[in-house]
C-alpha cells in the first residue's frame, strides 16, 4: 500500500512540526538542569570551604566580629 494524499496519516513534516511545538516535560527538564547546577555549585563550595586557608580567614573574620 502506498501513501497517497487521501490517507489519514499526517505527513512526516507535519508530525515533526507538531513534535517540535509539543513542550510537555520541558519544565521538568529545566528543573533537572537547575538542580544539577546547584549540586555542582555546592560541591565546589564544600571543596573551597575545606581548604585550610579559607578556614583560617573565616575564623579570623568570626573572631573579629565577636570581639566588637
PDB file of N, CA and C in Angstrom:
ATOM      1  N   UNK A   1       0.855  -1.170   0.000  1.00  0.00           N
ATOM      2  CA  UNK A   1       0.000   0.000   0.000  1.00  0.00           C
ATOM      3  C   UNK A   1       0.902   1.235   0.000  1.00  0.00           C
ATOM      4  N   UNK A   2       0.619   2.182  -0.817  1.00  0.00           N
ATOM      5  CA  UNK A   2       1.429   3.390  -0.933  1.00  0.00           C
ATOM      6  C   UNK A   2       0.724   4.548  -0.260  1.00  0.00           C
ATOM      7  N   UNK A   3       1.520   5.525   0.160  1.00  0.00           N
ATOM      8  CA  UNK A   3       0.944   6.734   0.746  1.00  0.00           C
ATOM      9  C   UNK A   3       0.396   7.615  -0.362  1.00  0.00           C
ATOM     10  N   UNK A   4      -0.837   7.933  -0.250  1.00  0.00           N
ATOM     11  CA  UNK A   4      -1.453   8.866  -1.185  1.00  0.00           C
ATOM     12  C   UNK A   4      -2.016  10.027  -0.390  1.00  0.00           C
ATOM     13  N   UNK A   5      -2.286  11.148  -1.009  1.00  0.00           N
ATOM     14  CA  UNK A   5      -2.831  12.299  -0.286  1.00  0.00           C
ATOM     15  C   UNK A   5      -4.165  12.018   0.384  1.00  0.00           C
ATOM     16  N   UNK A   6      -4.837  10.936   0.016  1.00  0.00           N
ATOM     17  CA  UNK A   6      -6.146  10.658   0.598  1.00  0.00           C
ATOM     18  C   UNK A   6      -6.045   9.856   1.888  1.00  0.00           C
ATOM     19  N   UNK A   7      -4.872   9.381   2.263  1.00  0.00           N
ATOM     20  CA  UNK A   7      -4.756   8.650   3.522  1.00  0.00           C
ATOM     21  C   UNK A   7      -4.844   9.627   4.681  1.00  0.00           C
ATOM     22  N   UNK A   8      -5.182   9.127   5.849  1.00  0.00           N
ATOM     23  CA  UNK A   8      -5.405   9.979   7.006  1.00  0.00           C
ATOM     24  C   UNK A   8      -4.166  10.138   7.883  1.00  0.00           C
ATOM     25  N   UNK A   9      -3.071   9.518   7.525  1.00  0.00           N
ATOM     26  CA  UNK A   9      -1.836   9.685   8.299  1.00  0.00           C
ATOM     27  C   UNK A   9      -1.225  11.033   7.982  1.00  0.00           C
ATOM     28  N   UNK A  10      -0.808  11.794   9.020  1.00  0.00           N
ATOM     29  CA  UNK A  10      -0.147  13.076   8.740  1.00  0.00           C
ATOM     30  C   UNK A  10       1.206  12.835   8.071  1.00  0.00           C
ATOM     31  N   UNK A  11       1.616  13.745   7.275  1.00  0.00           N
ATOM     32  CA  UNK A  11       2.905  13.638   6.611  1.00  0.00           C
ATOM     33  C   UNK A  11       4.024  13.806   7.616  1.00  0.00           C
ATOM     34  N   UNK A  12       5.208  13.405   7.232  1.00  0.00           N
ATOM     35  CA  UNK A  12       6.366  13.464   8.116  1.00  0.00           C
ATOM     36  C   UNK A  12       6.636  14.893   8.581  1.00  0.00           C
ATOM     37  N   UNK A  13       6.580  15.856   7.685  1.00  0.00           N
ATOM     38  CA  UNK A  13       6.831  17.255   8.042  1.00  0.00           C
ATOM     39  C   UNK A  13       5.836  17.762   9.073  1.00  0.00           C
ATOM     40  N   UNK A  14       4.581  17.408   8.914  1.00  0.00           N
ATOM     41  CA  UNK A  14       3.558  17.843   9.864  1.00  0.00           C
ATOM     42  C   UNK A  14       3.781  17.200  11.222  1.00  0.00           C
ATOM     43  N   UNK A  15       4.175  15.923  11.227  1.00  0.00           N
ATOM     44  CA  UNK A  15       4.445  15.253  12.509  1.00  0.00           C
ATOM     45  C   UNK A  15       5.645  15.874  13.201  1.00  0.00           C
ATOM     46  N   UNK A  16       6.676  16.226  12.453  1.00  0.00           N
ATOM     47  CA  UNK A  16       7.858  16.846  13.058  1.00  0.00           C
ATOM     48  C   UNK A  16       7.533  18.222  13.619  1.00  0.00           C
ATOM     49  N   UNK A  17       6.775  19.005  12.879  1.00  0.00           N
ATOM     50  CA  UNK A  17       6.395  20.338  13.369  1.00  0.00           C
ATOM     51  C   UNK A  17       5.569  20.222  14.639  1.00  0.00           C
ATOM     52  N   UNK A  18       4.660  19.270  14.677  1.00  0.00           N
ATOM     53  CA  UNK A  18       3.849  19.069  15.874  1.00  0.00           C
ATOM     54  C   UNK A  18       4.728  18.634  17.048  1.00  0.00           C
ATOM     55  N   UNK A  19       5.679  17.770  16.784  1.00  0.00           N
ATOM     56  CA  UNK A  19       6.580  17.306  17.836  1.00  0.00           C
ATOM     57  C   UNK A  19       7.457  18.416  18.384  1.00  0.00           C
ATOM     58  N   UNK A  20       7.853  19.358  17.538  1.00  0.00           N
ATOM     59  CA  UNK A  20       8.678  20.465  17.995  1.00  0.00           C
ATOM     60  C   UNK A  20       7.872  21.478  18.807  1.00  0.00           C
ATOM     61  N   UNK A  21       6.600  21.591  18.517  1.00  0.00           N
ATOM     62  CA  UNK A  21       5.753  22.522  19.270  1.00  0.00           C
ATOM     63  C   UNK A  21       5.336  21.945  20.612  1.00  0.00           C
ATOM     64  N   UNK A  22       5.378  20.642  20.743  1.00  0.00           N
ATOM     65  CA  UNK A  22       4.948  19.976  21.969  1.00  0.00           C
ATOM     66  C   UNK A  22       6.006  20.174  23.040  1.00  0.00           C
ATOM     67  N   UNK A  23       5.657  20.898  24.104  1.00  0.00           N
ATOM     68  CA  UNK A  23       6.640  21.199  25.142  1.00  0.00           C
ATOM     69  C   UNK A  23       6.356  20.472  26.455  1.00  0.00           C
ATOM     70  N   UNK A  24       5.610  19.387  26.386  1.00  0.00           N
ATOM     71  CA  UNK A  24       5.362  18.613  27.603  1.00  0.00           C
ATOM     72  C   UNK A  24       6.687  18.074  28.136  1.00  0.00           C
ATOM     73  N   UNK A  25       6.907  18.219  29.424  1.00  0.00           N
ATOM     74  CA  UNK A  25       8.120  17.724  30.046  1.00  0.00           C
ATOM     75  C   UNK A  25       9.269  18.715  30.046  1.00  0.00           C
ATOM     76  N   UNK A  26       9.105  19.857  29.389  1.00  0.00           N
ATOM     77  CA  UNK A  26      10.219  20.812  29.335  1.00  0.00           C
ATOM     78  C   UNK A  26      10.468  21.448  30.697  1.00  0.00           C
ATOM     79  N   UNK A  27       9.420  21.684  31.481  1.00  0.00           N
ATOM     80  CA  UNK A  27       9.619  22.260  32.819  1.00  0.00           C
ATOM     81  C   UNK A  27      10.395  21.288  33.696  1.00  0.00           C
ATOM     82  N   UNK A  28      10.098  20.012  33.593  1.00  0.00           N
ATOM     83  CA  UNK A  28      10.814  19.006  34.372  1.00  0.00           C
ATOM     84  C   UNK A  28      12.283  18.972  33.982  1.00  0.00           C
ATOM     85  N   UNK A  29      12.562  19.074  32.708  1.00  0.00           N
ATOM     86  CA  UNK A  29      13.953  19.090  32.257  1.00  0.00           C
ATOM     87  C   UNK A  29      14.674  20.338  32.750  1.00  0.00           C
ATOM     88  N   UNK A  30      13.989  21.465  32.758  1.00  0.00           N
ATOM     89  CA  UNK A  30      14.595  22.702  33.252  1.00  0.00           C
ATOM     90  C   UNK A  30      14.899  22.584  34.739  1.00  0.00           C
ATOM     91  N   UNK A  31      13.977  22.016  35.513  1.00  0.00           N
ATOM     92  CA  UNK A  31      14.226  21.819  36.936  1.00  0.00           C
ATOM     93  C   UNK A  31      15.419  20.890  37.155  1.00  0.00           C
ATOM     94  N   UNK A  32      15.532  19.861  36.354  1.00  0.00           N
ATOM     95  CA  UNK A  32      16.647  18.925  36.490  1.00  0.00           C
ATOM     96  C   UNK A  32      17.979  19.620  36.223  1.00  0.00           C
ATOM     97  N   UNK A  33      18.028  20.482  35.227  1.00  0.00           N
ATOM     98  CA  UNK A  33      19.263  21.217  34.924  1.00  0.00           C
ATOM     99  C   UNK A  33      19.616  22.155  36.066  1.00  0.00           C
ATOM    100  N   UNK A  34      18.616  22.841  36.622  1.00  0.00           N
ATOM    101  CA  UNK A  34      18.869  23.760  37.735  1.00  0.00           C
ATOM    102  C   UNK A  34      19.355  22.999  38.961  1.00  0.00           C
ATOM    103  N   UNK A  35      18.768  21.850  39.243  1.00  0.00           N
ATOM    104  CA  UNK A  35      19.196  21.050  40.391  1.00  0.00           C
ATOM    105  C   UNK A  35      20.618  20.554  40.200  1.00  0.00           C
ATOM    106  N   UNK A  36      20.955  20.101  39.005  1.00  0.00           N
ATOM    107  CA  UNK A  36      22.328  19.654  38.737  1.00  0.00           C
ATOM    108  C   UNK A  36      23.325  20.796  38.898  1.00  0.00           C
ATOM    109  N   UNK A  37      22.958  21.983  38.449  1.00  0.00           N
ATOM    110  CA  UNK A  37      23.850  23.136  38.610  1.00  0.00           C
ATOM    111  C   UNK A  37      24.022  23.483  40.085  1.00  0.00           C
ATOM    112  N   UNK A  38      22.945  23.406  40.861  1.00  0.00           N
ATOM    113  CA  UNK A  38      23.032  23.697  42.294  1.00  0.00           C
ATOM    114  C   UNK A  38      23.902  22.681  43.011  1.00  0.00           C
ATOM    115  N   UNK A  39      23.791  21.417  42.643  1.00  0.00           N
ATOM    116  CA  UNK A  39      24.619  20.371  43.260  1.00  0.00           C
ATOM    117  C   UNK A  39      26.088  20.583  42.906  1.00  0.00           C
ATOM    118  N   UNK A  40      26.357  20.940  41.666  1.00  0.00           N
ATOM    119  CA  UNK A  40      27.748  21.199  41.258  1.00  0.00           C
ATOM    120  C   UNK A  40      28.314  22.393  42.020  1.00  0.00           C
ATOM    121  N   UNK A  41      27.521  23.447  42.162  1.00  0.00           N
ATOM    122  CA  UNK A  41      27.977  24.625  42.911  1.00  0.00           C
ATOM    123  C   UNK A  41      28.224  24.274  44.376  1.00  0.00           C
ATOM    124  N   UNK A  42      27.344  23.474  44.961  1.00  0.00           N
ATOM    125  CA  UNK A  42      27.526  23.063  46.353  1.00  0.00           C
ATOM    126  C   UNK A  42      28.801  22.245  46.513  1.00  0.00           C
ATOM    127  N   UNK A  43      29.095  21.385  45.536  1.00  0.00           N
ATOM    128  CA  UNK A  43      30.328  20.603  45.589  1.00  0.00           C
ATOM    129  C   UNK A  43      31.565  21.484  45.550  1.00  0.00           C
ATOM    130  N   UNK A  44      31.554  22.482  44.692  1.00  0.00           N
ATOM    131  CA  UNK A  44      32.685  23.418  44.615  1.00  0.00           C
ATOM    132  C   UNK A  44      32.803  24.201  45.914  1.00  0.00           C
ATOM    133  N   UNK A  45      31.681  24.631  46.459  1.00  0.00           N
ATOM    134  CA  UNK A  45      31.690  25.392  47.706  1.00  0.00           C
ATOM    135  C   UNK A  45      32.240  24.567  48.869  1.00  0.00           C
ATOM    136  N   UNK A  46      31.859  23.314  48.956  1.00  0.00           N
ATOM    137  CA  UNK A  46      32.378  22.437  50.012  1.00  0.00           C
ATOM    138  C   UNK A  46      33.879  22.255  49.861  1.00  0.00           C
ATOM    139  N   UNK A  47      34.341  22.073  48.642  1.00  0.00           N
ATOM    140  CA  UNK A  47      35.778  21.905  48.403  1.00  0.00           C
ATOM    141  C   UNK A  47      36.547  23.155  48.828  1.00  0.00           C
ATOM    142  N   UNK A  48      36.028  24.315  48.492  1.00  0.00           N
ATOM    143  CA  UNK A  48      36.694  25.568  48.855  1.00  0.00           C
ATOM    144  C   UNK A  48      36.674  25.762  50.370  1.00  0.00           C
ATOM    145  N   UNK A  49      35.545  25.468  51.002  1.00  0.00           N
ATOM    146  CA  UNK A  49      35.420  25.683  52.446  1.00  0.00           C
ATOM    147  C   UNK A  49      36.310  24.747  53.250  1.00  0.00           C
ATOM    148  N   UNK A  50      36.673  23.603  52.705  1.00  0.00           N
ATOM    149  CA  UNK A  50      37.523  22.650  53.425  1.00  0.00           C
ATOM    150  C   UNK A  50      38.996  23.009  53.367  1.00  0.00           C
ATOM    151  N   UNK A  51      39.363  23.948  52.523  1.00  0.00           N
ATOM    152  CA  UNK A  51      40.774  24.315  52.437  1.00  0.00           C
ATOM    153  C   UNK A  51      41.189  25.068  53.698  1.00  0.00           C
ATOM    154  N   UNK A  52      42.416  24.845  54.143  1.00  0.00           N
ATOM    155  CA  UNK A  52      42.911  25.443  55.376  1.00  0.00           C
ATOM    156  C   UNK A  52      42.955  26.958  55.331  1.00  0.00           C
ATOM    157  N   UNK A  53      43.321  27.509  54.206  1.00  0.00           N
ATOM    158  CA  UNK A  53      43.423  28.966  54.081  1.00  0.00           C
ATOM    159  C   UNK A  53      42.072  29.637  54.262  1.00  0.00           C
ATOM    160  N   UNK A  54      41.044  29.089  53.653  1.00  0.00           N
ATOM    161  CA  UNK A  54      39.703  29.667  53.764  1.00  0.00           C
ATOM    162  C   UNK A  54      39.195  29.515  55.194  1.00  0.00           C
ATOM    163  N   UNK A  55      39.467  28.390  55.829  1.00  0.00           N
ATOM    164  CA  UNK A  55      39.026  28.194  57.206  1.00  0.00           C
ATOM    165  C   UNK A  55      39.684  29.214  58.139  1.00  0.00           C
ATOM    166  N   UNK A  56      40.961  29.487  57.929  1.00  0.00           N
ATOM    167  CA  UNK A  56      41.628  30.465  58.794  1.00  0.00           C
ATOM    168  C   UNK A  56      41.088  31.876  58.554  1.00  0.00           C
ATOM    169  N   UNK A  57      40.796  32.215  57.312  1.00  0.00           N
ATOM    170  CA  UNK A  57      40.215  33.532  57.011  1.00  0.00           C
ATOM    171  C   UNK A  57      38.855  33.670  57.691  1.00  0.00           C
ATOM    172  N   UNK A  58      38.026  32.632  57.591  1.00  0.00           N
ATOM    173  CA  UNK A  58      36.703  32.692  58.218  1.00  0.00           C
ATOM    174  C   UNK A  58      36.800  32.740  59.737  1.00  0.00           C
ATOM    175  N   UNK A  59      37.747  32.007  60.305  1.00  0.00           N
ATOM    176  CA  UNK A  59      37.934  32.025  61.755  1.00  0.00           C
ATOM    177  C   UNK A  59      38.320  33.420  62.225  1.00  0.00           C
ATOM    178  N   UNK A  60      39.231  34.053  61.521  1.00  0.00           N
ATOM    179  CA  UNK A  60      39.626  35.421  61.886  1.00  0.00           C
ATOM    180  C   UNK A  60      38.473  36.399  61.710  1.00  0.00           C
ATOM    181  N   UNK A  61      37.683  36.200  60.697  1.00  0.00           N
ATOM    182  CA  UNK A  61      36.523  37.063  60.468  1.00  0.00           C
ATOM    183  C   UNK A  61      35.517  36.948  61.606  1.00  0.00           C
ATOM    184  N   UNK A  62      35.249  35.719  62.043  1.00  0.00           N
ATOM    185  CA  UNK A  62      34.301  35.496  63.139  1.00  0.00           C
ATOM    186  C   UNK A  62      34.867  36.068  64.440  1.00  0.00           C
ATOM    187  N   UNK A  63      36.144  35.836  64.693  1.00  0.00           N
ATOM    188  CA  UNK A  63      36.766  36.372  65.919  1.00  0.00           C
ATOM    189  C   UNK A  63      36.688  37.903  65.934  1.00  0.00           C
ATOM    190  N   UNK A  64      36.962  38.508  64.801  1.00  0.00           N
ATOM    191  CA  UNK A  64      36.888  39.960  64.715  1.00  0.00           C
ATOM    192  C   UNK A  64      35.476  40.477  64.949  1.00  0.00           C
ATOM    193  N   UNK A  65      34.481  39.775  64.427  1.00  0.00           N
ATOM    194  CA  UNK A  65      33.098  40.201  64.597  1.00  0.00           C
ATOM    195  C   UNK A  65      32.632  40.014  66.039  1.00  0.00           C
ATOM    196  N   UNK A  66      33.118  38.962  66.706  1.00  0.00           N
ATOM    197  CA  UNK A  66      32.714  38.723  68.093  1.00  0.00           C
ATOM    198  C   UNK A  66      33.430  39.616  69.090  1.00  0.00           C
ATOM    199  N   UNK A  67      34.574  40.149  68.736  1.00  0.00           N
ATOM    200  CA  UNK A  67      35.328  40.979  69.666  1.00  0.00           C
ATOM    201  C   UNK A  67      34.856  42.432  69.670  1.00  0.00           C
ATOM    202  N   UNK A  68      33.925  42.786  68.800  1.00  0.00           N
ATOM    203  CA  UNK A  68      33.410  44.162  68.756  1.00  0.00           C
ATOM    204  C   UNK A  68      32.554  44.454  69.920  1.00  0.00           C
TER     205      UNK A  68
END
